[in-house]
Every structure is written in structure tokens, then in C-alpha cells.
PDB file of N, CA and C in Angstrom:
ATOM      1  N   UNK A   1      82.934  78.862  92.874  1.00  0.00           N
ATOM      2  CA  UNK A   1      83.698  77.965  93.706  1.00  0.00           C
ATOM      3  C   UNK A   1      84.491  78.741  94.773  1.00  0.00           C
ATOM      4  N   UNK A   2      85.179  79.789  94.367  1.00  0.00           N
ATOM      5  CA  UNK A   2      85.963  80.590  95.308  1.00  0.00           C
ATOM      6  C   UNK A   2      85.049  81.272  96.322  1.00  0.00           C
ATOM      7  N   UNK A   3      83.916  81.758  95.840  1.00  0.00           N
ATOM      8  CA  UNK A   3      82.967  82.404  96.745  1.00  0.00           C
ATOM      9  C   UNK A   3      82.455  81.458  97.814  1.00  0.00           C
ATOM     10  N   UNK A   4      82.174  80.241  97.442  1.00  0.00           N
ATOM     11  CA  UNK A   4      81.698  79.242  98.410  1.00  0.00           C
ATOM     12  C   UNK A   4      82.780  78.913  99.429  1.00  0.00           C
ATOM     13  N   UNK A   5      84.018  78.801  98.960  1.00  0.00           N
ATOM     14  CA  UNK A   5      85.127  78.529  99.869  1.00  0.00           C
ATOM     15  C   UNK A   5      85.261  79.640 100.905  1.00  0.00           C
ATOM     16  N   UNK A   6      85.203  80.880 100.460  1.00  0.00           N
ATOM     17  CA  UNK A   6      85.348  82.008 101.386  1.00  0.00           C
ATOM     18  C   UNK A   6      84.176  82.063 102.357  1.00  0.00           C
ATOM     19  N   UNK A   7      82.967  81.838 101.877  1.00  0.00           N
ATOM     20  CA  UNK A   7      81.808  81.821 102.771  1.00  0.00           C
ATOM     21  C   UNK A   7      81.943  80.713 103.814  1.00  0.00           C
ATOM     22  N   UNK A   8      82.422  79.538 103.389  1.00  0.00           N
ATOM     23  CA  UNK A   8      82.606  78.419 104.323  1.00  0.00           C
ATOM     24  C   UNK A   8      83.655  78.758 105.379  1.00  0.00           C
ATOM     25  N   UNK A   9      84.759  79.339 104.953  1.00  0.00           N
ATOM     26  CA  UNK A   9      85.799  79.739 105.912  1.00  0.00           C
ATOM     27  C   UNK A   9      85.272  80.794 106.885  1.00  0.00           C
ATOM     28  N   UNK A  10      84.444  81.692 106.388  1.00  0.00           N
ATOM     29  CA  UNK A  10      83.864  82.726 107.254  1.00  0.00           C
ATOM     30  C   UNK A  10      82.930  82.103 108.291  1.00  0.00           C
ATOM     31  N   UNK A  11      82.173  81.102 107.893  1.00  0.00           N
ATOM     32  CA  UNK A  11      81.296  80.415 108.837  1.00  0.00           C
ATOM     33  C   UNK A  11      82.118  79.703 109.908  1.00  0.00           C
ATOM     34  N   UNK A  12      83.182  79.030 109.489  1.00  0.00           N
ATOM     35  CA  UNK A  12      84.067  78.380 110.462  1.00  0.00           C
ATOM     36  C   UNK A  12      84.668  79.406 111.426  1.00  0.00           C
ATOM     37  N   UNK A  13      85.026  80.560 110.891  1.00  0.00           N
ATOM     38  CA  UNK A  13      85.560  81.629 111.740  1.00  0.00           C
ATOM     39  C   UNK A  13      84.510  82.082 112.737  1.00  0.00           C
ATOM     40  N   UNK A  14      83.301  82.254 112.285  1.00  0.00           N
ATOM     41  CA  UNK A  14      82.228  82.714 113.157  1.00  0.00           C
ATOM     42  C   UNK A  14      81.995  81.740 114.310  1.00  0.00           C
ATOM     43  N   UNK A  15      82.074  80.455 114.032  1.00  0.00           N
ATOM     44  CA  UNK A  15      81.839  79.451 115.069  1.00  0.00           C
ATOM     45  C   UNK A  15      83.059  79.188 115.942  1.00  0.00           C
ATOM     46  N   UNK A  16      84.160  79.848 115.665  1.00  0.00           N
ATOM     47  CA  UNK A  16      85.364  79.669 116.483  1.00  0.00           C
ATOM     48  C   UNK A  16      85.477  80.756 117.549  1.00  0.00           C
ATOM     49  N   UNK A  17      84.391  81.387 117.869  1.00  0.00           N
ATOM     50  CA  UNK A  17      84.386  82.538 118.763  1.00  0.00           C
ATOM     51  C   UNK A  17      85.000  82.251 120.129  1.00  0.00           C
ATOM     52  N   UNK A  18      84.870  81.053 120.640  1.00  0.00           N
ATOM     53  CA  UNK A  18      85.340  80.769 121.992  1.00  0.00           C
ATOM     54  C   UNK A  18      86.628  79.966 122.059  1.00  0.00           C
ATOM     55  N   UNK A  19      87.325  79.827 120.962  1.00  0.00           N
ATOM     56  CA  UNK A  19      88.547  79.030 121.017  1.00  0.00           C
ATOM     57  C   UNK A  19      89.768  79.951 121.077  1.00  0.00           C
ATOM     58  N   UNK A  20      90.820  79.508 121.743  1.00  0.00           N
ATOM     59  CA  UNK A  20      92.001  80.362 121.942  1.00  0.00           C
ATOM     60  C   UNK A  20      92.726  80.761 120.655  1.00  0.00           C
ATOM     61  N   UNK A  21      92.628  79.969 119.610  1.00  0.00           N
ATOM     62  CA  UNK A  21      93.370  80.306 118.389  1.00  0.00           C
ATOM     63  C   UNK A  21      92.554  81.152 117.412  1.00  0.00           C
ATOM     64  N   UNK A  22      91.470  81.724 117.879  1.00  0.00           N
ATOM     65  CA  UNK A  22      90.617  82.525 116.987  1.00  0.00           C
ATOM     66  C   UNK A  22      91.390  83.678 116.357  1.00  0.00           C
ATOM     67  N   UNK A  23      92.296  84.301 117.091  1.00  0.00           N
ATOM     68  CA  UNK A  23      93.058  85.420 116.522  1.00  0.00           C
ATOM     69  C   UNK A  23      93.932  84.940 115.374  1.00  0.00           C
ATOM     70  N   UNK A  24      94.520  83.768 115.511  1.00  0.00           N
ATOM     71  CA  UNK A  24      95.365  83.237 114.432  1.00  0.00           C
ATOM     72  C   UNK A  24      94.534  82.881 113.206  1.00  0.00           C
ATOM     73  N   UNK A  25      93.370  82.309 113.453  1.00  0.00           N
ATOM     74  CA  UNK A  25      92.461  82.001 112.354  1.00  0.00           C
ATOM     75  C   UNK A  25      91.996  83.289 111.675  1.00  0.00           C
ATOM     76  N   UNK A  26      91.697  84.302 112.476  1.00  0.00           N
ATOM     77  CA  UNK A  26      91.240  85.576 111.929  1.00  0.00           C
ATOM     78  C   UNK A  26      92.310  86.253 111.081  1.00  0.00           C
ATOM     79  N   UNK A  27      93.551  86.234 111.561  1.00  0.00           N
ATOM     80  CA  UNK A  27      94.645  86.828 110.784  1.00  0.00           C
ATOM     81  C   UNK A  27      94.812  86.113 109.452  1.00  0.00           C
ATOM     82  N   UNK A  28      94.756  84.780 109.491  1.00  0.00           N
ATOM     83  CA  UNK A  28      94.909  84.008 108.260  1.00  0.00           C
ATOM     84  C   UNK A  28      93.753  84.274 107.294  1.00  0.00           C
ATOM     85  N   UNK A  29      92.550  84.376 107.827  1.00  0.00           N
ATOM     86  CA  UNK A  29      91.394  84.640 106.976  1.00  0.00           C
ATOM     87  C   UNK A  29      91.455  86.039 106.370  1.00  0.00           C
ATOM     88  N   UNK A  30      91.884  87.015 107.136  1.00  0.00           N
ATOM     89  CA  UNK A  30      92.040  88.361 106.587  1.00  0.00           C
ATOM     90  C   UNK A  30      93.083  88.375 105.472  1.00  0.00           C
ATOM     91  N   UNK A  31      94.199  87.685 105.684  1.00  0.00           N
ATOM     92  CA  UNK A  31      95.230  87.606 104.645  1.00  0.00           C
ATOM     93  C   UNK A  31      94.695  86.938 103.380  1.00  0.00           C
ATOM     94  N   UNK A  32      93.959  85.854 103.570  1.00  0.00           N
ATOM     95  CA  UNK A  32      93.418  85.119 102.424  1.00  0.00           C
ATOM     96  C   UNK A  32      92.425  85.966 101.643  1.00  0.00           C
ATOM     97  N   UNK A  33      91.515  86.599 102.335  1.00  0.00           N
ATOM     98  CA  UNK A  33      90.481  87.373 101.641  1.00  0.00           C
ATOM     99  C   UNK A  33      91.023  88.665 101.047  1.00  0.00           C
ATOM    100  N   UNK A  34      92.134  89.154 101.580  1.00  0.00           N
ATOM    101  CA  UNK A  34      92.702  90.410 101.079  1.00  0.00           C
ATOM    102  C   UNK A  34      93.078  90.278  99.607  1.00  0.00           C
ATOM    103  N   UNK A  35      93.484  89.077  99.205  1.00  0.00           N
ATOM    104  CA  UNK A  35      93.897  88.856  97.822  1.00  0.00           C
ATOM    105  C   UNK A  35      92.724  88.886  96.846  1.00  0.00           C
ATOM    106  N   UNK A  36      91.518  88.670  97.321  1.00  0.00           N
ATOM    107  CA  UNK A  36      90.359  88.606  96.417  1.00  0.00           C
ATOM    108  C   UNK A  36      89.366  89.734  96.660  1.00  0.00           C
ATOM    109  N   UNK A  37      89.761  90.743  97.389  1.00  0.00           N
ATOM    110  CA  UNK A  37      88.812  91.790  97.774  1.00  0.00           C
ATOM    111  C   UNK A  37      88.253  92.574  96.587  1.00  0.00           C
ATOM    112  N   UNK A  38      88.987  92.630  95.476  1.00  0.00           N
ATOM    113  CA  UNK A  38      88.490  93.341  94.290  1.00  0.00           C
ATOM    114  C   UNK A  38      88.191  92.374  93.151  1.00  0.00           C
ATOM    115  N   UNK A  39      87.800  91.169  93.474  1.00  0.00           N
ATOM    116  CA  UNK A  39      87.493  90.153  92.473  1.00  0.00           C
ATOM    117  C   UNK A  39      86.357  90.632  91.575  1.00  0.00           C
ATOM    118  N   UNK A  40      86.354  90.158  90.344  1.00  0.00           N
ATOM    119  CA  UNK A  40      85.307  90.599  89.405  1.00  0.00           C
ATOM    120  C   UNK A  40      83.947  89.990  89.722  1.00  0.00           C
ATOM    121  N   UNK A  41      83.912  88.837  90.377  1.00  0.00           N
ATOM    122  CA  UNK A  41      82.650  88.184  90.735  1.00  0.00           C
ATOM    123  C   UNK A  41      82.122  88.767  92.044  1.00  0.00           C
ATOM    124  N   UNK A  42      80.920  89.285  92.011  1.00  0.00           N
ATOM    125  CA  UNK A  42      80.330  89.912  93.195  1.00  0.00           C
ATOM    126  C   UNK A  42      80.179  88.920  94.341  1.00  0.00           C
ATOM    127  N   UNK A  43      79.921  87.652  94.041  1.00  0.00           N
ATOM    128  CA  UNK A  43      79.750  86.654  95.100  1.00  0.00           C
ATOM    129  C   UNK A  43      81.057  86.442  95.870  1.00  0.00           C
ATOM    130  N   UNK A  44      82.176  86.519  95.182  1.00  0.00           N
ATOM    131  CA  UNK A  44      83.478  86.403  95.847  1.00  0.00           C
ATOM    132  C   UNK A  44      83.714  87.624  96.730  1.00  0.00           C
ATOM    133  N   UNK A  45      83.376  88.802  96.239  1.00  0.00           N
ATOM    134  CA  UNK A  45      83.520  90.017  97.051  1.00  0.00           C
ATOM    135  C   UNK A  45      82.604  89.960  98.271  1.00  0.00           C
ATOM    136  N   UNK A  46      81.382  89.446  98.093  1.00  0.00           N
ATOM    137  CA  UNK A  46      80.470  89.292  99.224  1.00  0.00           C
ATOM    138  C   UNK A  46      81.056  88.329 100.255  1.00  0.00           C
ATOM    139  N   UNK A  47      81.694  87.275  99.783  1.00  0.00           N
ATOM    140  CA  UNK A  47      82.351  86.340 100.685  1.00  0.00           C
ATOM    141  C   UNK A  47      83.466  86.993 101.464  1.00  0.00           C
ATOM    142  N   UNK A  48      84.247  87.832 100.800  1.00  0.00           N
ATOM    143  CA  UNK A  48      85.329  88.549 101.477  1.00  0.00           C
ATOM    144  C   UNK A  48      84.761  89.477 102.554  1.00  0.00           C
ATOM    145  N   UNK A  49      83.670  90.138 102.248  1.00  0.00           N
ATOM    146  CA  UNK A  49      83.038  91.026 103.223  1.00  0.00           C
ATOM    147  C   UNK A  49      82.461  90.238 104.395  1.00  0.00           C
ATOM    148  N   UNK A  50      81.866  89.098 104.101  1.00  0.00           N
ATOM    149  CA  UNK A  50      81.334  88.228 105.149  1.00  0.00           C
ATOM    150  C   UNK A  50      82.463  87.713 106.038  1.00  0.00           C
ATOM    151  N   UNK A  51      83.592  87.395 105.420  1.00  0.00           N
ATOM    152  CA  UNK A  51      84.746  86.920 106.185  1.00  0.00           C
ATOM    153  C   UNK A  51      85.259  88.001 107.133  1.00  0.00           C
ATOM    154  N   UNK A  52      85.324  89.227 106.653  1.00  0.00           N
ATOM    155  CA  UNK A  52      85.777  90.336 107.505  1.00  0.00           C
ATOM    156  C   UNK A  52      84.829  90.505 108.688  1.00  0.00           C
ATOM    157  N   UNK A  53      83.532  90.476 108.424  1.00  0.00           N
ATOM    158  CA  UNK A  53      82.584  90.629 109.534  1.00  0.00           C
ATOM    159  C   UNK A  53      82.671  89.453 110.502  1.00  0.00           C
ATOM    160  N   UNK A  54      82.934  88.254 110.002  1.00  0.00           N
ATOM    161  CA  UNK A  54      83.094  87.095 110.881  1.00  0.00           C
ATOM    162  C   UNK A  54      84.305  87.259 111.790  1.00  0.00           C
ATOM    163  N   UNK A  55      85.374  87.792 111.247  1.00  0.00           N
ATOM    164  CA  UNK A  55      86.572  88.046 112.066  1.00  0.00           C
ATOM    165  C   UNK A  55      86.251  89.089 113.128  1.00  0.00           C
ATOM    166  N   UNK A  56      85.581  90.148 112.735  1.00  0.00           N
ATOM    167  CA  UNK A  56      85.255  91.220 113.684  1.00  0.00           C
ATOM    168  C   UNK A  56      84.332  90.727 114.800  1.00  0.00           C
ATOM    169  N   UNK A  57      83.467  89.777 114.486  1.00  0.00           N
ATOM    170  CA  UNK A  57      82.537  89.262 115.484  1.00  0.00           C
ATOM    171  C   UNK A  57      83.145  88.159 116.348  1.00  0.00           C
ATOM    172  N   UNK A  58      84.117  87.434 115.836  1.00  0.00           N
ATOM    173  CA  UNK A  58      84.620  86.239 116.509  1.00  0.00           C
ATOM    174  C   UNK A  58      85.880  86.449 117.325  1.00  0.00           C
ATOM    175  N   UNK A  59      86.718  87.357 116.907  1.00  0.00           N
ATOM    176  CA  UNK A  59      87.985  87.582 117.603  1.00  0.00           C
ATOM    177  C   UNK A  59      87.766  88.642 118.674  1.00  0.00           C
ATOM    178  N   UNK A  60      88.265  88.410 119.882  1.00  0.00           N
ATOM    179  CA  UNK A  60      88.115  89.420 120.929  1.00  0.00           C
ATOM    180  C   UNK A  60      88.678  90.782 120.493  1.00  0.00           C
ATOM    181  N   UNK A  61      87.965  91.835 120.826  1.00  0.00           N
ATOM    182  CA  UNK A  61      88.313  93.181 120.377  1.00  0.00           C
ATOM    183  C   UNK A  61      89.731  93.583 120.749  1.00  0.00           C
ATOM    184  N   UNK A  62      90.123  93.305 121.982  1.00  0.00           N
ATOM    185  CA  UNK A  62      91.464  93.701 122.402  1.00  0.00           C
ATOM    186  C   UNK A  62      92.532  92.939 121.631  1.00  0.00           C
ATOM    187  N   UNK A  63      92.268  91.693 121.290  1.00  0.00           N
ATOM    188  CA  UNK A  63      93.218  90.919 120.483  1.00  0.00           C
ATOM    189  C   UNK A  63      93.343  91.496 119.085  1.00  0.00           C
ATOM    190  N   UNK A  64      92.232  91.907 118.509  1.00  0.00           N
ATOM    191  CA  UNK A  64      92.278  92.516 117.183  1.00  0.00           C
ATOM    192  C   UNK A  64      93.147  93.759 117.181  1.00  0.00           C
ATOM    193  N   UNK A  65      92.951  94.602 118.165  1.00  0.00           N
ATOM    194  CA  UNK A  65      93.694  95.860 118.193  1.00  0.00           C
ATOM    195  C   UNK A  65      95.171  95.687 118.505  1.00  0.00           C
ATOM    196  N   UNK A  66      95.520  94.642 119.239  1.00  0.00           N
ATOM    197  CA  UNK A  66      96.940  94.439 119.539  1.00  0.00           C
ATOM    198  C   UNK A  66      97.649  93.610 118.473  1.00  0.00           C
ATOM    199  N   UNK A  67      96.928  92.674 117.843  1.00  0.00           N
ATOM    200  CA  UNK A  67      97.561  91.760 116.890  1.00  0.00           C
ATOM    201  C   UNK A  67      97.517  92.249 115.434  1.00  0.00           C
ATOM    202  N   UNK A  68      96.463  92.934 115.042  1.00  0.00           N
ATOM    203  CA  UNK A  68      96.310  93.341 113.637  1.00  0.00           C
ATOM    204  C   UNK A  68      95.855  94.796 113.473  1.00  0.00           C
ATOM    205  N   UNK A  69      96.490  95.739 114.168  1.00  0.00           N
ATOM    206  CA  UNK A  69      96.008  97.125 114.057  1.00  0.00           C
ATOM    207  C   UNK A  69      96.165  97.715 112.659  1.00  0.00           C
ATOM    208  N   UNK A  70      97.274  97.406 111.979  1.00  0.00           N
ATOM    209  CA  UNK A  70      97.466  97.938 110.633  1.00  0.00           C
ATOM    210  C   UNK A  70      96.470  97.350 109.646  1.00  0.00           C
ATOM    211  N   UNK A  71      96.193  96.060 109.796  1.00  0.00           N
ATOM    212  CA  UNK A  71      95.221  95.419 108.931  1.00  0.00           C
ATOM    213  C   UNK A  71      93.827  96.006 109.133  1.00  0.00           C
ATOM    214  N   UNK A  72      93.499  96.321 110.373  1.00  0.00           N
ATOM    215  CA  UNK A  72      92.187  96.933 110.646  1.00  0.00           C
ATOM    216  C   UNK A  72      92.045  98.289 109.962  1.00  0.00           C
ATOM    217  N   UNK A  73      93.118  99.046 109.966  1.00  0.00           N
ATOM    218  CA  UNK A  73      93.084 100.346 109.299  1.00  0.00           C
ATOM    219  C   UNK A  73      92.883 100.174 107.792  1.00  0.00           C
ATOM    220  N   UNK A  74      93.609  99.224 107.202  1.00  0.00           N
ATOM    221  CA  UNK A  74      93.449  98.962 105.773  1.00  0.00           C
ATOM    222  C   UNK A  74      92.049  98.451 105.468  1.00  0.00           C
ATOM    223  N   UNK A  75      91.533  97.588 106.330  1.00  0.00           N
ATOM    224  CA  UNK A  75      90.179  97.058 106.149  1.00  0.00           C
ATOM    225  C   UNK A  75      89.159  98.182 106.215  1.00  0.00           C
ATOM    226  N   UNK A  76      89.354  99.105 107.133  1.00  0.00           N
ATOM    227  CA  UNK A  76      88.412 100.218 107.253  1.00  0.00           C
ATOM    228  C   UNK A  76      88.375 101.054 105.968  1.00  0.00           C
ATOM    229  N   UNK A  77      89.546 101.351 105.404  1.00  0.00           N
ATOM    230  CA  UNK A  77      89.589 102.119 104.153  1.00  0.00           C
ATOM    231  C   UNK A  77      88.952 101.344 103.006  1.00  0.00           C
ATOM    232  N   UNK A  78      89.225 100.038 102.956  1.00  0.00           N
ATOM    233  CA  UNK A  78      88.641  99.202 101.901  1.00  0.00           C
ATOM    234  C   UNK A  78      87.123  99.149 102.034  1.00  0.00           C
ATOM    235  N   UNK A  79      86.630  98.970 103.254  1.00  0.00           N
ATOM    236  CA  UNK A  79      85.177  98.913 103.467  1.00  0.00           C
ATOM    237  C   UNK A  79      84.504 100.213 103.049  1.00  0.00           C
ATOM    238  N   UNK A  80      85.120 101.331 103.371  1.00  0.00           N
ATOM    239  CA  UNK A  80      84.558 102.623 102.969  1.00  0.00           C
ATOM    240  C   UNK A  80      84.513 102.741 101.449  1.00  0.00           C
ATOM    241  N   UNK A  81      85.560 102.275 100.796  1.00  0.00           N
ATOM    242  CA  UNK A  81      85.601 102.310  99.333  1.00  0.00           C
ATOM    243  C   UNK A  81      84.512 101.426  98.731  1.00  0.00           C
ATOM    244  N   UNK A  82      84.353 100.235  99.267  1.00  0.00           N
ATOM    245  CA  UNK A  82      83.320  99.321  98.762  1.00  0.00           C
ATOM    246  C   UNK A  82      81.937  99.912  98.999  1.00  0.00           C
ATOM    247  N   UNK A  83      81.708 100.463 100.169  1.00  0.00           N
ATOM    248  CA  UNK A  83      80.398 101.037 100.491  1.00  0.00           C
ATOM    249  C   UNK A  83      80.015 102.149  99.518  1.00  0.00           C
ATOM    250  N   UNK A  84      80.993 102.882  99.049  1.00  0.00           N
ATOM    251  CA  UNK A  84      80.714 104.007  98.152  1.00  0.00           C
ATOM    252  C   UNK A  84      80.747 103.643  96.673  1.00  0.00           C
ATOM    253  N   UNK A  85      81.592 102.686  96.296  1.00  0.00           N
ATOM    254  CA  UNK A  85      81.871 102.511  94.876  1.00  0.00           C
ATOM    255  C   UNK A  85      81.545 101.153  94.275  1.00  0.00           C
ATOM    256  N   UNK A  86      81.193 100.167  95.066  1.00  0.00           N
ATOM    257  CA  UNK A  86      80.956  98.842  94.494  1.00  0.00           C
ATOM    258  C   UNK A  86      79.655  98.840  93.704  1.00  0.00           C
ATOM    259  N   UNK A  87      79.675  98.224  92.520  1.00  0.00           N
ATOM    260  CA  UNK A  87      78.445  98.204  91.719  1.00  0.00           C
ATOM    261  C   UNK A  87      77.366  97.259  92.259  1.00  0.00           C
ATOM    262  N   UNK A  88      77.744  96.331  93.140  1.00  0.00           N
ATOM    263  CA  UNK A  88      76.787  95.383  93.691  1.00  0.00           C
ATOM    264  C   UNK A  88      76.178  95.941  94.978  1.00  0.00           C
ATOM    265  N   UNK A  89      74.858  96.018  94.993  1.00  0.00           N
ATOM    266  CA  UNK A  89      74.151  96.593  96.143  1.00  0.00           C
ATOM    267  C   UNK A  89      74.367  95.795  97.427  1.00  0.00           C
ATOM    268  N   UNK A  90      74.418  94.471  97.316  1.00  0.00           N
ATOM    269  CA  UNK A  90      74.658  93.636  98.497  1.00  0.00           C
ATOM    270  C   UNK A  90      76.045  93.864  99.073  1.00  0.00           C
ATOM    271  N   UNK A  91      77.029  94.065  98.209  1.00  0.00           N
ATOM    272  CA  UNK A  91      78.387  94.360  98.686  1.00  0.00           C
ATOM    273  C   UNK A  91      78.413  95.694  99.429  1.00  0.00           C
ATOM    274  N   UNK A  92      77.736  96.677  98.890  1.00  0.00           N
ATOM    275  CA  UNK A  92      77.675  97.983  99.556  1.00  0.00           C
ATOM    276  C   UNK A  92      77.046  97.862 100.937  1.00  0.00           C
ATOM    277  N   UNK A  93      75.969  97.125 101.021  1.00  0.00           N
ATOM    278  CA  UNK A  93      75.262  96.939 102.289  1.00  0.00           C
ATOM    279  C   UNK A  93      76.139  96.177 103.293  1.00  0.00           C
ATOM    280  N   UNK A  94      76.799  95.133 102.834  1.00  0.00           N
ATOM    281  CA  UNK A  94      77.683  94.363 103.717  1.00  0.00           C
ATOM    282  C   UNK A  94      78.857  95.206 104.207  1.00  0.00           C
ATOM    283  N   UNK A  95      79.385  96.030 103.325  1.00  0.00           N
ATOM    284  CA  UNK A  95      80.498  96.900 103.719  1.00  0.00           C
ATOM    285  C   UNK A  95      80.051  97.897 104.789  1.00  0.00           C
ATOM    286  N   UNK A  96      78.864  98.439 104.643  1.00  0.00           N
ATOM    287  CA  UNK A  96      78.346  99.369 105.652  1.00  0.00           C
ATOM    288  C   UNK A  96      78.146  98.676 107.000  1.00  0.00           C
ATOM    289  N   UNK A  97      77.649  97.452 106.971  1.00  0.00           N
ATOM    290  CA  UNK A  97      77.466  96.704 108.214  1.00  0.00           C
ATOM    291  C   UNK A  97      78.807  96.428 108.892  1.00  0.00           C
ATOM    292  N   UNK A  98      79.808  96.083 108.099  1.00  0.00           N
ATOM    293  CA  UNK A  98      81.133  95.836 108.670  1.00  0.00           C
ATOM    294  C   UNK A  98      81.751  97.128 109.206  1.00  0.00           C
ATOM    295  N   UNK A  99      81.501  98.221 108.532  1.00  0.00           N
ATOM    296  CA  UNK A  99      81.974  99.512 109.053  1.00  0.00           C
ATOM    297  C   UNK A  99      81.340  99.814 110.406  1.00  0.00           C
ATOM    298  N   UNK A 100      80.074  99.478 110.557  1.00  0.00           N
ATOM    299  CA  UNK A 100      79.404  99.654 111.855  1.00  0.00           C
ATOM    300  C   UNK A 100      80.036  98.775 112.926  1.00  0.00           C
ATOM    301  N   UNK A 101      80.399  97.547 112.557  1.00  0.00           N
ATOM    302  CA  UNK A 101      81.085  96.668 113.508  1.00  0.00           C
ATOM    303  C   UNK A 101      82.417  97.270 113.946  1.00  0.00           C
ATOM    304  N   UNK A 102      83.147  97.827 112.997  1.00  0.00           N
ATOM    305  CA  UNK A 102      84.420  98.479 113.337  1.00  0.00           C
ATOM    306  C   UNK A 102      84.211  99.689 114.232  1.00  0.00           C
ATOM    307  N   UNK A 103      83.173 100.444 113.951  1.00  0.00           N
ATOM    308  CA  UNK A 103      82.868 101.616 114.771  1.00  0.00           C
ATOM    309  C   UNK A 103      82.504 101.203 116.193  1.00  0.00           C
ATOM    310  N   UNK A 104      81.751 100.118 116.319  1.00  0.00           N
ATOM    311  CA  UNK A 104      81.418  99.601 117.651  1.00  0.00           C
ATOM    312  C   UNK A 104      82.670  99.135 118.381  1.00  0.00           C
ATOM    313  N   UNK A 105      83.585  98.530 117.662  1.00  0.00           N
ATOM    314  CA  UNK A 105      84.861  98.109 118.238  1.00  0.00           C
ATOM    315  C   UNK A 105      85.624  99.318 118.769  1.00  0.00           C
ATOM    316  N   UNK A 106      85.654 100.349 117.968  1.00  0.00           N
ATOM    317  CA  UNK A 106      86.333 101.589 118.363  1.00  0.00           C
ATOM    318  C   UNK A 106      85.693 102.186 119.613  1.00  0.00           C
ATOM    319  N   UNK A 107      84.382 102.263 119.631  1.00  0.00           N
ATOM    320  CA  UNK A 107      83.682 102.839 120.781  1.00  0.00           C
ATOM    321  C   UNK A 107      83.806 101.978 122.027  1.00  0.00           C
ATOM    322  N   UNK A 108      83.823 100.682 121.845  1.00  0.00           N
ATOM    323  CA  UNK A 108      83.913  99.760 122.965  1.00  0.00           C
ATOM    324  C   UNK A 108      85.242  99.915 123.697  1.00  0.00           C
ATOM    325  N   UNK A 109      86.314 100.042 122.932  1.00  0.00           N
ATOM    326  CA  UNK A 109      87.642 100.111 123.538  1.00  0.00           C
ATOM    327  C   UNK A 109      88.148 101.547 123.709  1.00  0.00           C
ATOM    328  N   UNK A 110      87.525 102.466 123.000  1.00  0.00           N
ATOM    329  CA  UNK A 110      87.933 103.859 123.133  1.00  0.00           C
ATOM    330  C   UNK A 110      89.196 104.207 122.376  1.00  0.00           C
ATOM    331  N   UNK A 111      89.713 103.282 121.582  1.00  0.00           N
ATOM    332  CA  UNK A 111      90.916 103.551 120.791  1.00  0.00           C
ATOM    333  C   UNK A 111      90.733 102.918 119.430  1.00  0.00           C
ATOM    334  N   UNK A 112      91.509 103.408 118.483  1.00  0.00           N
ATOM    335  CA  UNK A 112      91.538 102.828 117.155  1.00  0.00           C
ATOM    336  C   UNK A 112      92.785 103.319 116.460  1.00  0.00           C
ATOM    337  N   UNK A 113      93.456 102.465 115.692  1.00  0.00           N
ATOM    338  CA  UNK A 113      94.658 102.917 115.001  1.00  0.00           C
ATOM    339  C   UNK A 113      94.334 103.952 113.937  1.00  0.00           C
ATOM    340  N   UNK A 114      95.092 105.007 113.894  1.00  0.00           N
ATOM    341  CA  UNK A 114      94.877 106.064 112.895  1.00  0.00           C
ATOM    342  C   UNK A 114      96.034 106.137 111.931  1.00  0.00           C
TER     343      UNK A 114
END
């Protein structure tokens, strides 16, 4: 049930790419998924990873870096941890894809919070 909710919210986030409140939706979704990032159910963790990638794809890059730079840094560390240590292969793959999205964000803007 929780996994489906997170996947649904991530889809809504993905389709909000052109609306002005996307940054607010993205911040709220990151906060929500942060609480379940180490859930015991792999489907919930996959939903959290999907939500992160939806935020990275939907919110303008400059808005992400100005509004949630600390969260991006924490997300990057979490994604690296999941990519290396999660027992679910799909979670590892999703984490690597999200790390690539973050790397593209960094290269696109030439800056990233350290």
C-alpha cells in the first residue's frame, strides 16, 4: 500500500514538470520519501527511488540547487549507499540511474553543493 502511494505521488510529480509549484511539490515529496528510504519492503524503497528521480526530472535544475541544496547532498550520499549495499537488484539499479541524473545536473550547471 505504501509503495503504491509513493509511486503514485512520483508519477504526479513527473507530470508536474511545467507548473510553477513543482519545486514545492518536489520538496514535499523528498521530505515524505526520506522517512521511508530504508523501509524493509523493497517495493517501498523502489518507490522512494522513483520519487527522487521524478523530482530530479521535473523540478528545474537551478531551482533544485537554490531551494534544496542540503537535501540534494543527503540524497546523493543515500543513493550511493543504496547502489552499493541494497539487497534488491532493482533498487541498486534505480539508485545508479538517479546518481546519473544528479551528475548530469551537476555538469549542466557547473556547480554542486559539497
